[in-house]
C-alpha atoms as a PDB file:
ATOM      1  CA  MET A   1    -128.846-201.452  76.857  1.00  0.00           C
ATOM      2  CA  VAL A   2    -128.067-202.372  80.635  1.00  0.00           C
ATOM      3  CA  LEU A   3    -127.532-205.922  80.042  1.00  0.00           C
ATOM      4  CA  ASN A   4    -125.279-204.930  76.817  1.00  0.00           C
ATOM      5  CA  ALA A   5    -123.230-202.715  79.032  1.00  0.00           C
ATOM      6  CA  LEU A   6    -123.023-205.437  81.480  1.00  0.00           C
ATOM      7  CA  SER A   7    -121.924-208.288  79.318  1.00  0.00           C
ATOM      8  CA  GLN A   8    -119.394-205.925  77.509  1.00  0.00           C
ATOM      9  CA  ALA A   9    -117.626-205.168  80.823  1.00  0.00           C
ATOM     10  CA  ILE A  10    -117.520-208.930  81.743  1.00  0.00           C
ATOM     11  CA  VAL A  11    -115.987-209.815  78.283  1.00  0.00           C
ATOM     12  CA  LEU A  12    -113.741-206.895  78.313  1.00  0.00           C
ATOM     13  CA  TYR A  13    -112.037-207.885  81.613  1.00  0.00           C
ATOM     14  CA  GLY A  14    -111.755-211.522  80.480  1.00  0.00           C
ATOM     15  CA  ALA A  15    -110.020-210.433  77.090  1.00  0.00           C
ATOM     16  CA  PHE A  16    -107.729-208.240  79.397  1.00  0.00           C
ATOM     17  CA  GLU A  17    -106.832-210.808  81.656  1.00  0.00           C
ATOM     18  CA  ASP A  18    -106.057-213.189  78.703  1.00  0.00           C
ATOM     19  CA  MET A  19    -103.751-210.704  77.026  1.00  0.00           C
ATOM     20  CA  ARG A  20    -101.859-210.324  80.238  1.00  0.00           C
ATOM     21  CA  GLY A  21    -101.277-214.080  80.174  1.00  0.00           C
ATOM     22  CA  ARG A  22    -103.299-214.701  83.170  1.00  0.00           C
ATOM     23  CA  PRO A  23    -106.023-217.491  83.395  1.00  0.00           C
ATOM     24  CA  VAL A  24    -109.403-216.221  82.664  1.00  0.00           C
ATOM     25  CA  HIS A  25    -112.013-217.202  85.183  1.00  0.00           C
ATOM     26  CA  LEU A  26    -115.802-216.666  84.449  1.00  0.00           C
ATOM     27  CA  ILE A  27    -116.689-216.023  88.077  1.00  0.00           C
ATOM     28  CA  GLU A  28    -113.897-213.635  88.572  1.00  0.00           C
ATOM     29  CA  SER A  29    -114.889-211.629  85.564  1.00  0.00           C
ATOM     30  CA  LEU A  30    -118.625-211.742  86.315  1.00  0.00           C
ATOM     31  CA  ARG A  31    -117.431-210.391  89.960  1.00  0.00           C
ATOM     32  CA  ILE A  32    -115.569-207.265  88.431  1.00  0.00           C
ATOM     33  CA  GLY A  33    -118.192-206.610  86.020  1.00  0.00           C
ATOM     34  CA  LEU A  34    -120.886-206.466  88.560  1.00  0.00           C
ATOM     35  CA  ARG A  35    -118.531-204.430  90.827  1.00  0.00           C
ATOM     36  CA  ARG A  36    -118.226-202.076  88.018  1.00  0.00           C
ATOM     37  CA  PHE A  37    -121.663-201.931  86.904  1.00  0.00           C
ATOM     38  CA  PHE A  38    -122.764-198.576  87.872  1.00  0.00           C
ATOM     39  CA  PRO A  39    -119.818-196.885  86.350  1.00  0.00           C
ATOM     40  CA  VAL A  40    -120.084-198.910  83.272  1.00  0.00           C
ATOM     41  CA  LEU A  41    -123.832-197.794  83.032  1.00  0.00           C
ATOM     42  CA  GLY A  42    -122.693-194.214  83.318  1.00  0.00           C
ATOM     43  CA  VAL A  43    -120.282-194.679  80.604  1.00  0.00           C
ATOM     44  CA  ALA A  44    -122.738-196.382  78.273  1.00  0.00           C
ATOM     45  CA  LEU A  45    -125.672-193.679  79.208  1.00  0.00           C
ATOM     46  CA  GLY A  46    -122.993-190.830  78.530  1.00  0.00           C
ATOM     47  CA  ALA A  47    -121.553-192.344  75.182  1.00  0.00           C
ATOM     48  CA  ALA A  48    -125.173-192.640  73.963  1.00  0.00           C
ATOM     49  CA  ILE A  49    -126.281-189.079  74.749  1.00  0.00           C
ATOM     50  CA  LEU A  50    -123.253-187.552  73.362  1.00  0.00           C
ATOM     51  CA  THR A  51    -123.274-189.451  70.209  1.00  0.00           C
ATOM     52  CA  ALA A  52    -127.237-188.550  69.795  1.00  0.00           C
ATOM     53  CA  LEU A  53    -126.143-184.826  70.509  1.00  0.00           C
ATOM     54  CA  ALA A  54    -123.525-184.962  67.988  1.00  0.00           C
ATOM     55  CA  GLY A  55    -125.912-186.993  65.500  1.00  0.00           C
ATOM     56  CA  ILE A  56    -128.315-183.910  65.734  1.00  0.00           C
ATOM     57  CA  LEU A  57    -125.640-181.609  64.421  1.00  0.00           C
ATOM     58  CA  LEU A  58    -124.507-183.657  61.416  1.00  0.00           C
ATOM     59  CA  VAL A  59    -123.583-187.199  60.682  1.00  0.00           C
ATOM     60  CA  ILE A  60    -119.910-186.626  60.629  1.00  0.00           C
ATOM     61  CA  PRO A  61    -119.514-185.050  64.242  1.00  0.00           C
ATOM     62  CA  ALA A  62    -121.658-188.415  65.408  1.00  0.00           C
ATOM     63  CA  PHE A  63    -119.073-190.856  64.130  1.00  0.00           C
ATOM     64  CA  ILE A  64    -116.264-188.742  65.406  1.00  0.00           C
ATOM     65  CA  VAL A  65    -117.721-188.708  68.952  1.00  0.00           C
ATOM     66  CA  ALA A  66    -118.539-192.294  68.613  1.00  0.00           C
ATOM     67  CA  THR A  67    -115.202-193.341  67.475  1.00  0.00           C
ATOM     68  CA  MET A  68    -113.578-191.456  70.565  1.00  0.00           C
ATOM     69  CA  LEU A  69    -116.139-193.076  73.277  1.00  0.00           C
ATOM     70  CA  LEU A  70    -114.993-196.703  71.896  1.00  0.00           C
ATOM     71  CA  VAL A  71    -112.185-196.656  74.238  1.00  0.00           C
ATOM     72  CA  ALA A  72    -114.248-195.229  77.430  1.00  0.00           C
ATOM     73  CA  MET A  73    -115.793-198.670  78.215  1.00  0.00           C
ATOM     74  CA  PRO A  74    -112.516-200.356  78.172  1.00  0.00           C
ATOM     75  CA  ALA A  75    -110.939-197.724  80.441  1.00  0.00           C
ATOM     76  CA  CYS A  76    -113.861-197.772  82.973  1.00  0.00           C
ATOM     77  CA  VAL A  77    -113.417-201.512  83.371  1.00  0.00           C
ATOM     78  CA  VAL A  78    -109.674-202.148  83.140  1.00  0.00           C
ATOM     79  CA  GLU A  79    -108.229-199.096  84.787  1.00  0.00           C
ATOM     80  CA  GLN A  80    -111.300-198.819  87.113  1.00  0.00           C
ATOM     81  CA  LEU A  81    -111.964-195.168  85.985  1.00  0.00           C
ATOM     82  CA  GLY A  82    -115.325-193.651  86.329  1.00  0.00           C
ATOM     83  CA  PRO A  83    -117.509-191.803  83.832  1.00  0.00           C
END
């Protein structure tokens, strides 16, 4: 789970740099991903816990919460927000 969150942060930063028309550098993406490691880990843990809690209630709320939290990781990496 930790490596998944870290790799997702690295790829997200590279993808947003490409969408902005800037050159994508792996070292810079890795540096930004490692700098945002703890906030990204907090977002990943929070999303997993909230999805599990919603899954306990019913299946449909779990899908709603998971869908809402899909944009949490890009917001954390690109906008440099915390969990």
